[in-house]
């Protein structure tokens, strides 16, 4: 039996004026996943997260959280969203923001919120407007974590943090996944941070899903050609100017992992992502594990 996905998109489209920001996006994220949302600037990552949070209405298709359409009132207590702007009442003290979080959320966990702040020694009497960018990020994450939501939607949550704070914060978020079965969808440009933490990947490029699946499956399903094999290198579509991206990234062959003796080494996360972005004509790769559920797919797996 297949459980209801945490997040599911079927033909999702979002427009901004005459521009289509998201186009025919189709994917599902299982409950309890830690999913990295990656892609270049302008790919639609922030719009997707805002849509999932119910702040942007889809123009076509549908997006569901926990089996309900986005924007459904029943979703509000079950999701937490941190946007790129770290939207806080700047005149409120940190202490007052925590009280507000407690008053607005019946399932509030003060210990979970305070744990984020205590690690960074953020003064609770300080006004939000006086904090540094990294401190505001941690306050926003503390409010999200204190809500004890089932789905956390985090837009670049690590971008303002120093390396130690990144590690501590990710450790706390991953503990929520392990202990409560929460689902984490976070965007980031720092692929090295994600590789150690995520178990699922969603790559957006020009508003469409290029790559989606459990991370171990995606890495195992692609191979780097042997650099001494000229035919293999040519089949990978090498042709970008030297030095534009790491050389190995040009040689990620978009073929199954059993492509043969000339394709022996699995790529890193960064190499895989760069290869897809550098070859926009390559076929999209959506793992069965992240294709949206339909009556047909449910029947195929015996659900």
Foldseek 3Di string as FASTA:
>chain_A
DAAQFQKFWAQFWDDDVPAIQAGRAGWTHHFLFAEEEEEDPSLCLLVVLCVQCQNGPTPDTFMDGNRHGRPPPVQNLAEAEAHPVLDDDQQDFLLVVLVVLCVVAVQFDLVLLVVLCVVVVDDRRDGLNVDDPLNSLSSSVSSRRRSLHQEYEYEASPVPDDPVSLVVSLVSVNVSSVPVRHYYYYYHPPVVSVLVRGQWYFYGGSNYTQETDGVVQVQQQKFFFAPVDPVQLVQLPDDDDPPPDPPSLSRTRNGGNVPDPRTDHGDGPVSPNSSCVVCVPDHGYYDLVIGGDDPVSCVVVVD
